[in-house]
Amino acid sequence: MALWRGSALAGVLALALGCVFLLEPQLPGSALRSLWSSLRPAAPNPAPDSPEGRLAAAWDALIVRPARRWRRVAVGVNACVDVVLSGVKLLQALGLSPGSGRDHSVLHSQAHLEEAFAHFMGKGAAAERFFSNQEAFRDIARVASEFPDAQLQQWAQSHPCRRRAVWMSWCEPGQKLRGKRAKDTERHLQHCYTTCETGPCSVKSLPSFYGKNTDCAVTLRNSLLQHYAGGNAALIGQKFAASSDLEVLLCGPVGPKLQELLDDSVFVPPESLQAADEFHLILEYQAGEEWGQVRAPHANRFIFSHDLSNGAMSALEVFMSSLEEFRPDLVVLSGLHMMEGQSRELQRKRLLEVFPAVTSLGLNEQELLFLSQAASGPHSSLSSWSGIPDVGMVSDILFWILKEHGRSAGRASALTRVHFHTLVYHILATVDGHWANQLAAVAAGARVAGTQACATDTIDASRVSLRAPSEFLTSHSGAGVRVTLNPSEPVVVWHREGISFHFTPVLVCKDPVRTVGLGDAISAEGLLYSQAGPHP
């Protein structure tokens, strides 16, 4: 398409949503992390030859910047405001009782919400669903906004730090907010508050903590009662904006609250602005948390919304028309998974509009299986993954996507790359000759999953664990071979009929500060370390 000549169009369907304080480009994360490290009790360093330590060191040696970097990035098309809270606490506040888990492709009632939440919580799997009843969704959102103390108490119990020292370091009693911008400091305070344990962790206790002058306490309380930038496109845009040499265009349904939360360096065209925000509820749960008979094997989240703008990809036309003037050399498209609540006809129409021009896809396990089911691909008879997705099955679906729908001599398709990510491993699949530096890209995406979840600058081997399968088949077809994982050589590469696969495990954070937004960070980091174009 002449409109994007010289550009790479990357379709990022990452499901995970996130809080802006983990992705905010102006946020001095290094200062927060240094403070965090100084406040935590010293953990014994693992032996240098521990699997986690060896794997992290090997990644650092492998990750190098590409020879040619992106300069102008356009991101679209899903954007929203996230409300992040404890899933169990919300269900309790709604007066729901634990039942047997059951998946629903679309939620029509509170009973459906409880069943779907329990279903995915029991698997420790991420999921997102459309809530069809607007009035019922509004009622749930109202209840969610009325009990912040309950959710914060749960977070506080999970993440120890010295509350008083952290608060004092960012906002002294009697002083106004400090920092480059007030909203930066608000996010620092929110981050610190949600990682405290010592003492009664209650929003209502803050005024007494600060005495008569409660500027900081009021700001913290207000920020906790407000919301956070969300939507894959918005969060990926924030991540790219962290690179000062990148210009970032964001197209999506941006309401007044989201516009306030976005970084100043992210440009939103006037046509993307709307009078009201779209809200998503992010229900988090911790590893080992229980809901009736269900016990979560991993920390994760369940997302639901009554989001008509993003569900219909209403910003797609504005996005396409903005590219000619902006002239990006990388285009990132997200939000196709939001169409699950739409008709098959609309899904097919949008996919046909997008896929011929897409160069790269970013997919999690839910989205990968959704694509295979929608087009009767490999292993499409699976209703959902049971536990960790089988590497060979994932590889088969990735091969099918690129072989049947990717670029070839007889097919007018631009698709040459798929970045798959799940909790314990990632795979980058590419059509040979079109991408460089993919070994570094897959390693960088896996590394950021560990550092962002634990809120650290580098991998702390004492706070992560290696959970990827020690052995796996690269395919369940005749082309499969058995691989044994070696932490000292963490990227495994194999080839199949002109398609290359780069596999690496993930070092999973044992005590994650935040589970939402990781998929967006993974996709963005992988693209930052990738180089597109003819490649031998």
Protein backbone atom coordinates (compact mmCIF):
# COMPACT_ATOMS: atom_id res chain seq x y z
CA MET A 1 0.00 0.00 0.00
CA ALA A 2 1.57 3.26 -1.17
CA LEU A 3 0.26 5.00 1.91
CA TRP A 4 2.78 3.20 4.12
CA ARG A 5 5.66 2.75 1.70
CA GLY A 6 8.77 2.04 3.74
CA SER A 7 6.70 1.30 6.85
CA ALA A 8 6.22 -1.85 8.84
CA LEU A 9 2.64 -2.42 9.97
CA ALA A 10 2.67 -4.41 13.19
CA GLY A 11 -0.61 -5.80 14.47
CA VAL A 12 -0.36 -6.21 18.22
CA LEU A 13 -3.32 -8.07 19.64
CA ALA A 14 -1.89 -8.35 23.14
CA LEU A 15 -4.74 -8.94 25.58
CA ALA A 16 -3.07 -7.61 28.66
CA LEU A 17 -4.09 -4.16 29.85
CA GLY A 18 -2.09 -2.13 32.31
CA CYS A 19 -1.66 0.74 34.69
CA VAL A 20 0.17 3.76 33.37
CA PHE A 21 2.54 4.05 36.33
CA LEU A 22 4.45 1.05 35.04
CA LEU A 23 4.69 2.43 31.52
CA GLU A 24 4.75 6.21 31.99
CA PRO A 25 7.75 7.53 30.03
CA GLN A 26 8.38 10.57 32.25
CA LEU A 27 8.18 8.50 35.42
CA PRO A 28 11.66 8.13 36.97
CA GLY A 29 11.34 4.42 37.53
CA SER A 30 14.99 4.01 38.45
CA ALA A 31 14.51 6.26 41.47
CA LEU A 32 11.48 4.30 42.62
CA ARG A 33 13.20 0.99 42.11
CA SER A 34 16.32 2.10 43.95
CA LEU A 35 14.14 3.18 46.84
CA TRP A 36 12.21 -0.08 46.68
CA SER A 37 15.46 -2.07 46.79
CA SER A 38 16.78 -0.10 49.73
CA LEU A 39 13.59 -0.64 51.72
CA ARG A 40 13.25 -4.36 51.10
CA PRO A 41 15.09 -6.70 53.46
CA ALA A 42 18.18 -8.02 51.74
CA ALA A 43 17.44 -11.32 50.03
CA PRO A 44 20.16 -13.92 49.84
CA ASN A 45 21.74 -13.91 46.41
CA PRO A 46 21.20 -17.20 44.61
CA ALA A 47 24.22 -19.24 43.65
CA PRO A 48 25.85 -17.90 40.47
CA ASP A 49 25.09 -21.19 38.77
CA SER A 50 21.36 -21.19 39.66
CA PRO A 51 19.19 -21.69 36.55
CA GLU A 52 17.61 -18.25 36.99
CA GLY A 53 20.96 -16.51 37.42
CA ARG A 54 22.53 -18.25 34.43
CA LEU A 55 19.53 -17.51 32.23
CA ALA A 56 19.46 -13.80 33.15
CA ALA A 57 23.19 -13.46 32.47
CA ALA A 58 22.81 -15.20 29.11
CA TRP A 59 20.00 -12.82 28.14
CA ASP A 60 22.12 -9.78 28.97
CA ALA A 61 24.84 -11.06 26.66
CA LEU A 62 22.39 -11.73 23.82
CA ILE A 63 20.35 -8.52 23.89
CA VAL A 64 21.82 -5.92 21.53
CA ARG A 65 20.21 -2.99 19.76
CA PRO A 66 19.39 -3.38 16.05
CA ALA A 67 21.59 -1.62 13.51
CA ARG A 68 18.63 0.44 12.28
CA ARG A 69 16.05 1.82 14.72
CA TRP A 70 12.51 3.17 14.40
CA ARG A 71 11.98 6.96 14.32
CA ARG A 72 8.23 7.56 13.97
CA VAL A 73 5.67 5.14 15.41
CA ALA A 74 1.88 5.19 14.92
CA VAL A 75 -0.21 3.16 17.40
CA GLY A 76 -3.91 2.25 17.30
CA VAL A 77 -6.70 1.51 17.82
CA ASN A 78 -7.91 0.51 21.31
CA ALA A 79 -7.66 2.89 24.23
CA CYS A 80 -9.63 3.14 27.45
CA VAL A 81 -9.57 3.96 31.14
CA ASP A 82 -8.81 1.04 33.44
CA VAL A 83 -10.27 0.42 36.87
CA VAL A 84 -7.98 -2.11 38.59
CA LEU A 85 -9.28 -3.96 41.65
CA SER A 86 -9.45 -7.28 43.47
CA GLY A 87 -11.70 -9.71 41.61
CA VAL A 88 -12.67 -11.66 44.73
CA LYS A 89 -13.48 -8.48 46.64
CA LEU A 90 -15.68 -7.22 43.81
CA LEU A 91 -17.65 -10.47 43.61
CA GLN A 92 -18.13 -10.36 47.38
CA ALA A 93 -19.29 -6.75 47.20
CA LEU A 94 -21.80 -7.73 44.51
CA GLY A 95 -23.21 -10.37 46.87
CA LEU A 96 -22.25 -13.24 44.57
CA SER A 97 -21.49 -16.72 45.89
CA PRO A 98 -18.79 -19.06 44.58
CA GLY A 99 -20.05 -21.56 42.06
CA SER A 100 -18.64 -23.87 39.44
CA GLY A 101 -16.50 -22.09 36.88
CA ARG A 102 -17.72 -21.88 33.30
CA ASP A 103 -16.50 -19.87 30.34
CA HIS A 104 -18.84 -17.53 28.45
CA SER A 105 -17.77 -15.89 25.19
CA VAL A 106 -20.03 -12.94 26.08
CA LEU A 107 -21.20 -12.00 29.58
CA HIS A 108 -24.90 -11.20 29.94
CA SER A 109 -25.31 -11.11 33.74
CA GLN A 110 -23.52 -11.02 37.09
CA ALA A 111 -23.89 -14.81 37.24
CA HIS A 112 -21.98 -15.09 33.95
CA LEU A 113 -19.29 -12.80 35.37
CA GLU A 114 -18.85 -14.98 38.45
CA GLU A 115 -18.69 -18.19 36.41
CA ALA A 116 -16.20 -16.84 33.87
CA PHE A 117 -13.99 -15.29 36.55
CA ALA A 118 -13.90 -18.57 38.50
CA HIS A 119 -13.17 -20.53 35.31
CA PHE A 120 -10.09 -18.51 34.39
CA MET A 121 -8.94 -17.92 37.96
CA GLY A 122 -8.80 -21.70 38.42
CA LYS A 123 -6.49 -21.93 35.42
CA GLY A 124 -4.45 -18.85 36.37
CA ALA A 125 -5.10 -17.66 32.82
CA ALA A 126 -5.62 -14.16 31.46
CA ALA A 127 -8.92 -13.49 29.71
CA GLU A 128 -11.09 -10.63 28.48
CA ARG A 129 -14.83 -10.66 27.85
CA PHE A 130 -17.51 -8.27 26.59
CA PHE A 131 -20.40 -7.51 28.98
CA SER A 132 -23.52 -7.08 26.84
CA ASN A 133 -25.90 -5.40 29.32
CA GLN A 134 -25.03 -1.72 29.60
CA GLU A 135 -27.14 -0.99 32.71
CA ALA A 136 -25.86 -4.06 34.53
CA PHE A 137 -22.28 -3.10 33.68
CA ARG A 138 -22.85 0.40 35.04
CA ASP A 139 -24.20 -1.06 38.28
CA ILE A 140 -21.11 -3.25 38.66
CA ALA A 141 -18.80 -0.31 37.90
CA ARG A 142 -20.59 1.77 40.54
CA VAL A 143 -20.07 -0.94 43.16
CA ALA A 144 -16.41 -1.24 42.14
CA SER A 145 -15.84 2.47 42.71
CA GLU A 146 -17.25 2.33 46.25
CA PHE A 147 -14.79 0.04 47.97
CA PRO A 148 -11.17 1.05 47.21
CA ASP A 149 -10.05 0.23 50.75
CA ALA A 150 -10.83 -3.46 50.28
CA GLN A 151 -8.76 -3.83 47.15
CA LEU A 152 -5.86 -1.86 48.56
CA GLN A 153 -5.81 -3.94 51.70
CA GLN A 154 -5.41 -7.07 49.60
CA TRP A 155 -2.55 -5.55 47.60
CA ALA A 156 -0.94 -4.38 50.82
CA GLN A 157 -0.93 -7.89 52.23
CA SER A 158 0.91 -9.18 49.16
CA HIS A 159 3.76 -6.68 48.73
CA PRO A 160 5.84 -5.75 51.80
CA CYS A 161 7.63 -2.44 52.11
CA ARG A 162 8.06 0.27 54.70
CA ARG A 163 5.01 2.38 54.11
CA ARG A 164 6.07 5.43 56.09
CA ALA A 165 9.49 5.70 54.50
CA VAL A 166 8.12 5.34 50.98
CA TRP A 167 5.42 7.96 51.49
CA MET A 168 7.84 10.36 53.13
CA SER A 169 10.33 10.01 50.29
CA TRP A 170 7.86 11.28 47.72
CA CYS A 171 5.68 13.68 49.64
CA GLU A 172 6.72 15.24 52.93
CA PRO A 173 4.01 16.48 55.34
CA GLY A 174 3.30 20.14 54.81
CA GLN A 175 4.58 20.21 51.24
CA LYS A 176 2.89 20.30 47.89
CA LEU A 177 3.44 17.51 45.40
CA ARG A 178 6.96 17.23 44.03
CA GLY A 179 8.23 15.93 40.71
CA LYS A 180 8.32 17.01 37.07
CA ARG A 181 4.53 16.85 36.95
CA ALA A 182 1.96 16.38 39.66
CA LYS A 183 0.45 13.33 37.96
CA ASP A 184 3.88 11.66 37.91
CA THR A 185 4.06 11.99 41.68
CA GLU A 186 0.51 10.74 42.04
CA ARG A 187 1.49 7.58 40.22
CA HIS A 188 4.58 7.17 42.36
CA LEU A 189 2.42 7.46 45.45
CA GLN A 190 -0.13 5.00 44.07
CA HIS A 191 2.64 2.53 43.25
CA CYS A 192 4.19 2.86 46.70
CA TYR A 193 0.83 2.63 48.42
CA THR A 194 -0.12 -0.58 46.65
CA THR A 195 3.17 -2.20 47.67
CA CYS A 196 3.05 -1.54 51.40
CA GLU A 197 2.36 -3.87 54.28
CA THR A 198 3.56 -2.32 57.51
CA GLY A 199 0.78 -0.75 59.53
CA PRO A 200 -2.90 -0.27 58.72
CA CYS A 201 -3.07 0.24 54.97
CA SER A 202 -6.23 2.30 54.62
CA VAL A 203 -6.94 5.36 52.54
CA LYS A 204 -8.97 6.77 55.42
CA SER A 205 -5.93 6.66 57.72
CA LEU A 206 -3.87 8.98 55.55
CA PRO A 207 -5.11 12.35 56.90
CA SER A 208 -4.19 11.35 60.46
CA PHE A 209 -0.80 10.11 59.24
CA TYR A 210 -0.02 13.48 57.69
CA GLY A 211 -1.61 15.62 60.40
CA LYS A 212 -3.50 18.82 59.65
CA ASN A 213 -1.76 19.51 56.34
CA THR A 214 -3.17 16.78 54.11
CA ASP A 215 -2.19 17.93 50.61
CA CYS A 216 -0.29 14.73 49.94
CA ALA A 217 -2.84 12.50 51.62
CA VAL A 218 -5.73 14.00 49.66
CA THR A 219 -3.81 13.69 46.40
CA LEU A 220 -3.04 10.04 47.11
CA ARG A 221 -6.62 9.28 48.09
CA ASN A 222 -7.97 10.99 44.98
CA SER A 223 -5.52 9.21 42.69
CA LEU A 224 -6.53 5.84 44.16
CA LEU A 225 -10.19 6.61 43.62
CA GLN A 226 -9.56 7.63 40.02
CA HIS A 227 -8.48 5.50 37.10
CA TYR A 228 -5.52 4.65 34.90
CA ALA A 229 -4.70 4.76 31.21
CA GLY A 230 -5.47 1.45 29.57
CA GLY A 231 -5.99 -0.26 26.27
CA ASN A 232 -3.21 -1.98 24.38
CA ALA A 233 -2.64 0.87 21.93
CA ALA A 234 -2.44 3.52 24.65
CA LEU A 235 -0.06 1.47 26.79
CA ILE A 236 2.17 0.50 23.88
CA GLY A 237 2.25 4.17 22.88
CA GLN A 238 3.33 5.09 26.39
CA LYS A 239 6.06 2.45 26.26
CA PHE A 240 7.37 3.73 22.93
CA ALA A 241 7.24 7.30 24.19
CA ALA A 242 9.79 6.29 26.83
CA SER A 243 12.35 6.40 24.00
CA SER A 244 13.01 10.12 23.67
CA ASP A 245 14.08 9.78 20.04
CA LEU A 246 10.69 8.38 18.95
CA GLU A 247 7.69 10.38 17.76
CA VAL A 248 4.43 8.63 18.73
CA LEU A 249 0.95 9.00 17.22
CA LEU A 250 -1.99 7.39 19.07
CA CYS A 251 -5.40 6.83 17.47
CA GLY A 252 -8.22 5.42 19.56
CA PRO A 253 -11.33 6.47 21.50
CA VAL A 254 -9.72 9.01 23.84
CA GLY A 255 -12.04 10.68 26.34
CA PRO A 256 -11.20 13.51 28.75
CA LYS A 257 -9.91 11.28 31.58
CA LEU A 258 -7.67 9.24 29.30
CA GLN A 259 -6.34 12.37 27.61
CA GLU A 260 -5.34 13.66 31.04
CA LEU A 261 -3.53 10.40 31.85
CA LEU A 262 -1.56 10.12 28.61
CA ASP A 263 1.99 11.32 28.41
CA ASP A 264 2.42 14.79 26.94
CA SER A 265 4.67 13.47 24.16
CA VAL A 266 1.96 11.18 22.76
CA PHE A 267 0.08 13.00 19.98
CA VAL A 268 -3.65 12.26 19.62
CA PRO A 269 -5.37 13.58 16.46
CA PRO A 270 -8.51 15.65 17.14
CA GLU A 271 -10.66 13.09 15.31
CA SER A 272 -9.82 10.51 18.02
CA LEU A 273 -11.12 12.64 20.87
CA GLN A 274 -14.61 11.84 22.21
CA ALA A 275 -16.86 13.25 24.91
CA ALA A 276 -16.91 10.17 27.18
CA ASP A 277 -14.29 7.60 28.15
CA GLU A 278 -14.58 3.85 27.70
CA PHE A 279 -14.04 2.03 31.02
CA HIS A 280 -12.65 -1.48 31.58
CA LEU A 281 -12.74 -3.35 34.89
CA ILE A 282 -9.54 -5.31 35.59
CA LEU A 283 -10.14 -8.02 38.21
CA GLU A 284 -6.82 -9.13 39.67
CA TYR A 285 -6.06 -12.16 41.81
CA GLN A 286 -2.89 -13.35 43.52
CA ALA A 287 -1.24 -16.77 43.33
CA GLY A 288 -2.89 -19.02 45.93
CA GLU A 289 -5.92 -16.74 46.37
CA GLU A 290 -9.20 -18.62 46.78
CA TRP A 291 -12.77 -18.11 45.61
CA GLY A 292 -14.89 -20.93 46.98
CA GLN A 293 -13.31 -24.17 45.78
CA VAL A 294 -11.17 -22.36 43.21
CA ARG A 295 -7.51 -21.67 44.02
CA ALA A 296 -5.43 -19.57 41.62
CA PRO A 297 -2.20 -21.31 40.53
CA HIS A 298 -0.75 -18.00 39.27
CA ALA A 299 -1.33 -14.30 39.75
CA ASN A 300 -3.28 -12.95 36.80
CA ARG A 301 -6.35 -10.90 35.84
CA PHE A 302 -9.78 -11.11 34.23
CA ILE A 303 -10.96 -8.12 32.18
CA PHE A 304 -14.47 -7.17 31.16
CA SER A 305 -16.20 -4.11 29.75
CA HIS A 306 -19.19 -2.78 27.87
CA ASP A 307 -16.96 -1.11 25.32
CA LEU A 308 -18.72 -0.39 22.03
CA SER A 309 -16.13 1.92 20.48
CA ASN A 310 -13.17 -0.42 20.88
CA GLY A 311 -15.31 -3.51 20.22
CA ALA A 312 -16.28 -2.21 16.77
CA MET A 313 -12.77 -0.79 16.18
CA SER A 314 -14.47 2.54 15.45
CA ALA A 315 -11.14 4.38 15.38
CA LEU A 316 -9.74 2.24 12.57
CA GLU A 317 -10.74 4.64 9.78
CA VAL A 318 -9.24 7.65 11.60
CA PHE A 319 -6.11 5.62 12.22
CA MET A 320 -5.72 4.70 8.55
CA SER A 321 -6.34 8.26 7.36
CA SER A 322 -3.81 9.71 9.85
CA LEU A 323 -0.95 7.61 8.54
CA GLU A 324 -0.52 9.52 5.28
CA GLU A 325 0.29 12.79 7.06
CA PHE A 326 2.28 11.27 9.94
CA ARG A 327 4.31 8.95 7.65
CA PRO A 328 5.53 6.48 10.30
CA ASP A 329 8.17 3.84 9.72
CA LEU A 330 6.42 1.53 12.20
CA VAL A 331 2.66 1.09 12.59
CA VAL A 332 1.31 -0.89 15.57
CA LEU A 333 -2.27 -2.10 15.42
CA SER A 334 -3.99 -3.53 18.50
CA GLY A 335 -7.44 -4.37 19.75
CA LEU A 336 -8.67 -7.08 17.39
CA HIS A 337 -9.42 -9.29 20.39
CA MET A 338 -12.03 -6.74 21.48
CA MET A 339 -14.23 -7.91 18.61
CA GLU A 340 -15.15 -11.15 20.40
CA GLY A 341 -18.47 -9.60 21.40
CA GLN A 342 -19.24 -8.58 17.81
CA SER A 343 -20.94 -10.52 15.03
CA ARG A 344 -18.96 -12.96 12.90
CA GLU A 345 -19.66 -10.74 9.90
CA LEU A 346 -18.06 -7.68 11.51
CA GLN A 347 -15.13 -9.76 12.77
CA ARG A 348 -14.47 -11.11 9.29
CA LYS A 349 -14.85 -7.66 7.70
CA ARG A 350 -12.31 -6.07 10.04
CA LEU A 351 -9.85 -8.95 9.73
CA LEU A 352 -9.99 -8.78 5.95
CA GLU A 353 -9.36 -5.02 6.13
CA VAL A 354 -6.35 -5.41 8.39
CA PHE A 355 -4.55 -8.66 7.65
CA PRO A 356 -3.32 -7.98 4.10
CA ALA A 357 -1.38 -4.94 5.33
CA VAL A 358 -0.13 -6.33 8.67
CA THR A 359 3.56 -7.16 8.89
CA SER A 360 3.74 -8.46 12.47
CA LEU A 361 1.28 -9.79 15.04
CA GLY A 362 1.61 -9.96 18.82
CA LEU A 363 -0.56 -12.67 20.39
CA ASN A 364 -1.16 -14.23 23.78
CA GLU A 365 -2.56 -17.72 24.25
CA GLN A 366 -6.22 -16.63 24.15
CA GLU A 367 -5.77 -14.69 20.92
CA LEU A 368 -3.70 -17.40 19.23
CA LEU A 369 -6.39 -20.01 19.86
CA PHE A 370 -9.12 -17.54 18.84
CA LEU A 371 -7.49 -17.07 15.42
CA SER A 372 -7.12 -20.82 14.89
CA GLN A 373 -10.73 -21.46 15.92
CA ALA A 374 -12.04 -18.65 13.71
CA ALA A 375 -10.36 -20.13 10.61
CA SER A 376 -10.40 -23.86 11.51
CA GLY A 377 -6.66 -23.97 11.94
CA PRO A 378 -4.50 -26.50 13.81
CA HIS A 379 -5.76 -27.65 17.23
CA SER A 380 -8.92 -25.54 16.78
CA SER A 381 -10.97 -28.25 18.50
CA LEU A 382 -9.54 -27.08 21.83
CA SER A 383 -12.06 -24.97 23.72
CA SER A 384 -9.28 -23.41 25.80
CA TRP A 385 -5.76 -24.17 26.95
CA SER A 386 -5.40 -26.42 29.98
CA GLY A 387 -2.58 -24.94 32.03
CA ILE A 388 0.62 -23.99 30.18
CA PRO A 389 0.04 -23.98 26.41
CA ASP A 390 1.84 -26.89 24.76
CA VAL A 391 4.90 -25.58 22.87
CA GLY A 392 4.42 -27.95 19.95
CA MET A 393 0.76 -26.97 19.53
CA VAL A 394 1.61 -23.27 19.68
CA SER A 395 4.37 -23.80 17.12
CA ASP A 396 1.95 -25.60 14.79
CA ILE A 397 -0.53 -22.71 14.92
CA LEU A 398 2.20 -20.11 14.36
CA PHE A 399 3.49 -22.09 11.37
CA TRP A 400 -0.06 -22.30 9.96
CA ILE A 401 -0.62 -18.55 10.36
CA LEU A 402 2.53 -17.63 8.45
CA LYS A 403 2.33 -20.46 5.90
CA GLU A 404 -1.35 -19.99 5.05
CA HIS A 405 -1.77 -16.25 5.64
CA GLY A 406 1.76 -14.81 5.54
CA ARG A 407 3.79 -13.33 2.73
CA SER A 408 4.63 -15.58 -0.19
CA ALA A 409 5.30 -15.28 -3.90
CA GLY A 410 1.69 -16.06 -4.77
CA ARG A 411 -0.09 -14.18 -1.96
CA ALA A 412 -0.68 -10.43 -1.48
CA SER A 413 0.11 -10.41 2.23
CA ALA A 414 2.61 -8.40 4.25
CA LEU A 415 2.56 -10.70 7.31
CA THR A 416 6.06 -12.01 8.11
CA ARG A 417 6.29 -12.08 11.92
CA VAL A 418 4.27 -13.33 14.92
CA HIS A 419 5.36 -12.69 18.52
CA PHE A 420 3.62 -15.14 20.87
CA HIS A 421 3.78 -14.67 24.64
CA THR A 422 2.40 -16.67 27.53
CA LEU A 423 3.29 -16.67 31.22
CA VAL A 424 6.29 -19.04 31.12
CA TYR A 425 7.69 -18.73 27.59
CA HIS A 426 7.71 -16.68 24.37
CA ILE A 427 8.12 -17.64 20.71
CA LEU A 428 8.99 -15.33 17.79
CA ALA A 429 8.14 -16.85 14.40
CA THR A 430 9.33 -15.09 11.23
CA VAL A 431 9.31 -15.70 7.49
CA ASP A 432 12.96 -16.02 6.50
CA GLY A 433 14.56 -12.98 4.89
CA HIS A 434 12.40 -10.22 6.38
CA TRP A 435 13.52 -9.60 9.97
CA ALA A 436 16.85 -9.22 11.77
CA ASN A 437 17.93 -9.25 15.43
CA GLN A 438 15.09 -11.57 16.47
CA LEU A 439 17.26 -13.50 18.93
CA ALA A 440 17.75 -10.26 20.88
CA ALA A 441 14.09 -9.28 20.38
CA VAL A 442 12.61 -12.43 21.91
CA ALA A 443 15.07 -12.27 24.81
CA ALA A 444 14.30 -8.58 25.44
CA GLY A 445 10.55 -9.23 25.46
CA ALA A 446 10.96 -12.06 27.99
CA ARG A 447 13.32 -10.03 30.15
CA VAL A 448 10.94 -7.06 30.42
CA ALA A 449 8.15 -9.42 31.52
CA GLY A 450 10.21 -10.28 34.61
CA THR A 451 11.51 -6.81 35.40
CA GLN A 452 8.17 -5.04 34.97
CA ALA A 453 6.20 -7.61 36.98
CA CYS A 454 8.69 -7.33 39.86
CA ALA A 455 9.24 -3.54 39.40
CA THR A 456 13.02 -3.90 39.11
CA ASP A 457 15.54 -2.43 36.66
CA THR A 458 17.25 -5.77 36.14
CA ILE A 459 16.33 -9.38 36.78
CA ASP A 460 16.64 -10.19 40.49
CA ALA A 461 17.22 -13.96 40.35
CA SER A 462 16.00 -14.37 43.93
CA ARG A 463 12.56 -12.99 43.03
CA VAL A 464 11.86 -14.97 39.87
CA SER A 465 11.47 -18.63 38.97
CA LEU A 466 12.02 -20.68 35.83
CA ARG A 467 8.74 -22.49 35.10
CA ALA A 468 9.01 -23.26 31.39
CA PRO A 469 8.93 -26.94 30.42
CA SER A 470 12.40 -28.50 30.66
CA GLU A 471 11.67 -30.57 27.55
CA PHE A 472 9.24 -30.04 24.69
CA LEU A 473 8.44 -31.02 21.12
CA THR A 474 8.83 -28.26 18.53
CA SER A 475 5.80 -29.57 16.63
CA HIS A 476 3.17 -32.29 16.79
CA SER A 477 3.56 -32.92 13.07
CA GLY A 478 6.26 -35.11 11.58
CA ALA A 479 8.59 -32.10 11.60
CA GLY A 480 8.82 -31.95 15.40
CA VAL A 481 12.00 -32.63 17.36
CA ARG A 482 12.48 -32.92 21.12
CA VAL A 483 14.38 -30.06 22.78
CA THR A 484 15.94 -29.96 26.26
CA LEU A 485 16.11 -26.48 27.76
CA ASN A 486 19.55 -25.16 28.78
CA PRO A 487 19.41 -21.95 30.92
CA SER A 488 22.92 -21.00 29.77
CA GLU A 489 21.69 -20.98 26.16
CA PRO A 490 18.14 -19.72 26.72
CA VAL A 491 17.09 -18.99 23.14
CA VAL A 492 16.25 -22.12 21.15
CA VAL A 493 16.05 -21.71 17.37
CA TRP A 494 14.50 -24.11 14.85
CA HIS A 495 13.39 -23.85 11.23
CA ARG A 496 10.51 -25.29 9.23
CA GLU A 497 9.88 -24.73 5.53
CA GLY A 498 11.23 -21.19 5.33
CA ILE A 499 9.97 -20.10 8.74
CA SER A 500 12.26 -19.57 11.74
CA PHE A 501 11.22 -19.95 15.38
CA HIS A 502 12.98 -18.31 18.36
CA PHE A 503 11.89 -19.72 21.75
CA THR A 504 12.91 -18.48 25.18
CA PRO A 505 11.58 -19.15 28.69
CA VAL A 506 10.32 -16.38 30.95
CA LEU A 507 11.62 -15.81 34.47
CA VAL A 508 8.28 -15.47 36.25
CA CYS A 509 8.08 -12.97 39.11
CA LYS A 510 7.24 -14.83 42.33
CA ASP A 511 5.51 -11.85 43.93
CA PRO A 512 4.32 -9.57 41.09
CA VAL A 513 3.59 -5.93 41.78
CA ARG A 514 1.27 -5.82 38.77
CA THR A 515 0.04 -8.37 36.24
CA VAL A 516 -1.75 -6.05 33.84
CA GLY A 517 0.10 -4.36 30.99
CA LEU A 518 2.81 -7.00 30.65
CA GLY A 519 1.69 -8.14 27.20
CA ASP A 520 1.89 -4.59 25.89
CA ALA A 521 5.36 -4.10 27.34
CA ILE A 522 6.49 -7.43 25.85
CA SER A 523 5.21 -6.57 22.37
CA ALA A 524 6.67 -3.07 22.44
CA GLU A 525 10.06 -4.23 23.74
CA GLY A 526 10.26 -6.97 21.11
CA LEU A 527 9.57 -4.44 18.37
CA LEU A 528 12.09 -1.93 19.77
CA TYR A 529 14.81 -4.56 19.41
CA SER A 530 13.65 -5.74 15.97
CA GLN A 531 14.83 -4.63 12.56
CA ALA A 532 12.53 -5.00 9.57
CA GLY A 533 13.52 -5.15 5.93
CA PRO A 534 15.31 -7.47 3.51
CA HIS A 535 17.58 -9.73 5.49
CA PRO A 536 19.75 -12.63 4.31
